[in-house]
Amino acid sequence: MTVIIRDARPEDAESVVRILSPIIESGLYTVLDRPFTVEEERRYIETFPSRGVFHVAVSPADGQVVGFQSIEPFAAYTHAFDHVGVPGTYVDPAQQRRGIARSLFAATFEAARRKSYEKLFTYIRHDNPAALAAYCSQGFRVVGTAQRHAKVQGRYVDEIMVEKLL
């Protein structure tokens, strides 16, 4: 699927929540444990870190947001990690396996380099092999497993740590 990748805007909050809420509510695929309101998401976009990258993928056919990806700074408490960003990627479940994540990664990697990121590091739930495959197909490599790292809906979840040098 061909998509247009652009920076997220506050008016995208409703579309982001529409994609994210069912994923969170399923208790699968993410360690986020509660859906966000449209207003919370709007504030999040409005106050997104200036060094961050927040892209949405828009279907040119109907203008609908079909996915999004963000990179946030790894840590704010020290400059030792200024070169490290933490990505997160979400695609509308009805639109998966159509190249949307691939398009998001390409645009986000380019923007991350422009913002002086040299490395990306994130966690992927061990029970989400599709996400792990997507990240690995983009050059991420597994660097370890954090056991019982999250607790979602009363159940411990291991997370796989991945990184990519830009």
Protein backbone atom coordinates (compact mmCIF):
# COMPACT_ATOMS: atom_id res chain seq x y z
CA MET A 1 0.00 0.00 0.00
CA THR A 2 1.37 3.39 -0.92
CA VAL A 3 1.09 5.87 1.94
CA ILE A 4 2.04 9.46 2.61
CA ILE A 5 4.32 9.88 5.62
CA ARG A 6 4.13 13.21 7.42
CA ASP A 7 4.66 14.66 10.87
CA ALA A 8 1.87 14.01 13.34
CA ARG A 9 -0.42 16.94 14.13
CA PRO A 10 -2.73 17.52 17.10
CA GLU A 11 -5.72 16.89 14.85
CA ASP A 12 -4.39 13.33 14.28
CA ALA A 13 -5.11 12.45 17.92
CA GLU A 14 -8.47 10.83 17.21
CA SER A 15 -6.99 8.64 14.46
CA VAL A 16 -4.07 7.61 16.65
CA VAL A 17 -6.45 6.66 19.48
CA ARG A 18 -8.64 4.73 17.00
CA ILE A 19 -5.62 2.61 16.01
CA LEU A 20 -4.04 2.29 19.45
CA SER A 21 -7.04 1.64 21.71
CA PRO A 22 -8.01 -1.81 20.37
CA ILE A 23 -4.37 -2.89 20.48
CA ILE A 24 -4.07 -1.82 24.12
CA GLU A 25 -7.43 -3.32 25.08
CA SER A 26 -6.44 -6.70 23.63
CA GLY A 27 -3.65 -7.01 26.21
CA LEU A 28 -1.40 -8.20 23.39
CA TYR A 29 1.35 -6.61 21.29
CA THR A 30 2.11 -3.70 23.63
CA VAL A 31 2.86 -3.11 27.30
CA LEU A 32 0.67 -0.02 27.32
CA ASP A 33 -2.01 -0.93 29.82
CA ARG A 34 -4.77 1.60 29.38
CA PRO A 35 -6.28 3.38 26.38
CA PHE A 36 -5.74 7.10 26.04
CA THR A 37 -8.43 9.68 25.51
CA VAL A 38 -8.35 11.83 22.41
CA GLU A 39 -7.53 14.84 24.59
CA GLU A 40 -4.61 13.01 26.26
CA GLU A 41 -3.25 12.03 22.85
CA ARG A 42 -3.69 15.59 21.55
CA ARG A 43 -1.68 16.92 24.50
CA TYR A 44 0.96 14.25 23.94
CA ILE A 45 1.37 15.33 20.32
CA GLU A 46 1.38 19.03 21.25
CA THR A 47 4.09 18.53 23.88
CA PHE A 48 6.11 15.92 22.01
CA PRO A 49 9.86 16.41 22.59
CA SER A 50 11.50 18.74 20.06
CA ARG A 51 14.18 16.11 19.43
CA GLY A 52 11.53 13.49 18.91
CA VAL A 53 10.13 12.19 15.65
CA PHE A 54 6.42 11.44 15.32
CA HIS A 55 5.17 10.36 11.91
CA VAL A 56 1.79 9.22 10.69
CA ALA A 57 1.11 7.14 7.59
CA VAL A 58 -1.86 8.43 5.63
CA SER A 59 -3.76 6.57 2.93
CA PRO A 60 -3.85 8.82 -0.14
CA ALA A 61 -7.12 7.19 -1.23
CA ASP A 62 -9.20 8.42 1.70
CA GLY A 63 -6.89 10.53 3.89
CA GLN A 64 -7.17 8.10 6.82
CA VAL A 65 -4.26 7.62 9.21
CA VAL A 66 -3.35 3.92 8.94
CA GLY A 67 -0.27 3.82 11.15
CA PHE A 68 2.18 5.86 13.16
CA GLN A 69 5.70 5.70 14.48
CA SER A 70 7.57 7.77 17.01
CA ILE A 71 11.06 8.14 18.38
CA GLU A 72 11.64 9.73 21.75
CA PRO A 73 14.93 10.49 23.47
CA PHE A 74 16.14 7.55 25.57
CA ALA A 75 16.75 9.61 28.73
CA ALA A 76 16.34 13.19 29.85
CA TYR A 77 18.33 12.91 33.08
CA THR A 78 21.77 12.79 31.39
CA HIS A 79 23.35 13.78 28.09
CA ALA A 80 25.17 10.44 27.91
CA PHE A 81 22.24 9.00 25.95
CA ASP A 82 21.50 11.97 23.67
CA HIS A 83 22.43 9.86 20.65
CA VAL A 84 19.89 7.11 21.52
CA GLY A 85 16.23 7.15 20.56
CA VAL A 86 13.37 4.83 21.49
CA PRO A 87 11.02 3.93 18.63
CA GLY A 88 7.46 2.70 18.78
CA THR A 89 5.47 1.51 15.77
CA TYR A 90 1.74 0.88 15.37
CA VAL A 91 -0.23 -0.02 12.26
CA ASP A 92 -3.99 -0.37 12.05
CA PRO A 93 -4.54 -4.14 12.42
CA ALA A 94 -6.80 -4.13 9.35
CA GLN A 95 -3.96 -2.62 7.30
CA GLN A 96 -1.01 -4.75 8.43
CA ARG A 97 1.33 -6.56 6.02
CA ARG A 98 0.92 -3.91 3.33
CA GLY A 99 4.29 -2.16 3.68
CA ILE A 100 3.04 0.65 5.93
CA ALA A 101 5.60 -0.02 8.68
CA ARG A 102 8.36 -0.24 6.05
CA SER A 103 7.42 3.22 4.77
CA LEU A 104 7.30 4.60 8.31
CA PHE A 105 10.73 3.15 9.16
CA ALA A 106 12.33 4.68 6.05
CA ALA A 107 11.04 8.17 6.80
CA THR A 108 11.68 7.90 10.53
CA PHE A 109 15.28 6.69 10.13
CA GLU A 110 16.01 9.68 7.89
CA ALA A 111 14.43 12.12 10.34
CA ALA A 112 16.25 10.50 13.28
CA ARG A 113 19.62 10.98 11.56
CA ARG A 114 18.78 14.65 10.92
CA LYS A 115 18.07 15.03 14.65
CA SER A 116 21.49 13.54 15.52
CA TYR A 117 20.35 10.13 16.66
CA GLU A 118 23.00 7.48 16.13
CA LYS A 119 21.26 4.49 17.69
CA LEU A 120 17.72 3.25 18.22
CA PHE A 121 16.85 0.93 21.11
CA THR A 122 13.52 -0.54 22.10
CA TYR A 123 11.71 -3.45 23.70
CA ILE A 124 9.37 -5.85 21.89
CA ARG A 125 7.08 -8.25 23.68
CA HIS A 126 8.40 -11.80 23.37
CA ASP A 127 4.93 -12.97 22.33
CA ASN A 128 4.80 -10.57 19.36
CA PRO A 129 6.85 -12.35 16.68
CA ALA A 130 5.41 -10.20 13.89
CA ALA A 131 6.77 -7.02 15.51
CA LEU A 132 10.14 -8.65 16.11
CA ALA A 133 10.29 -9.74 12.47
CA ALA A 134 9.36 -6.23 11.31
CA TYR A 135 12.11 -4.61 13.38
CA CYS A 136 14.70 -7.23 12.41
CA SER A 137 13.83 -6.74 8.72
CA GLN A 138 14.77 -3.07 9.23
CA GLY A 139 18.24 -3.90 10.55
CA PHE A 140 17.56 -4.13 14.27
CA ARG A 141 19.36 -6.90 16.13
CA VAL A 142 18.38 -8.70 19.31
CA VAL A 143 20.66 -7.80 22.23
CA GLY A 144 18.89 -9.64 25.05
CA THR A 145 15.71 -10.54 26.86
CA ALA A 146 14.34 -8.82 29.94
CA GLN A 147 12.45 -11.52 31.80
CA ARG A 148 9.17 -10.71 33.54
CA HIS A 149 9.85 -7.13 32.52
CA ALA A 150 6.24 -5.99 32.26
CA LYS A 151 3.02 -7.06 33.91
CA VAL A 152 0.01 -6.68 31.65
CA GLN A 153 -3.47 -7.64 32.79
CA GLY A 154 -1.95 -9.53 35.73
CA ARG A 155 0.42 -11.57 33.57
CA TYR A 156 4.20 -11.19 33.37
CA VAL A 157 5.61 -10.51 29.93
CA ASP A 158 9.21 -10.93 28.81
CA GLU A 159 10.53 -8.27 26.48
CA ILE A 160 13.14 -8.65 23.79
CA MET A 161 15.62 -5.78 23.58
CA VAL A 162 16.62 -4.72 20.06
CA GLU A 163 18.91 -2.03 18.73
CA LYS A 164 19.96 -0.51 15.45
CA LEU A 165 22.95 1.69 14.78
CA LEU A 166 22.06 4.43 12.34
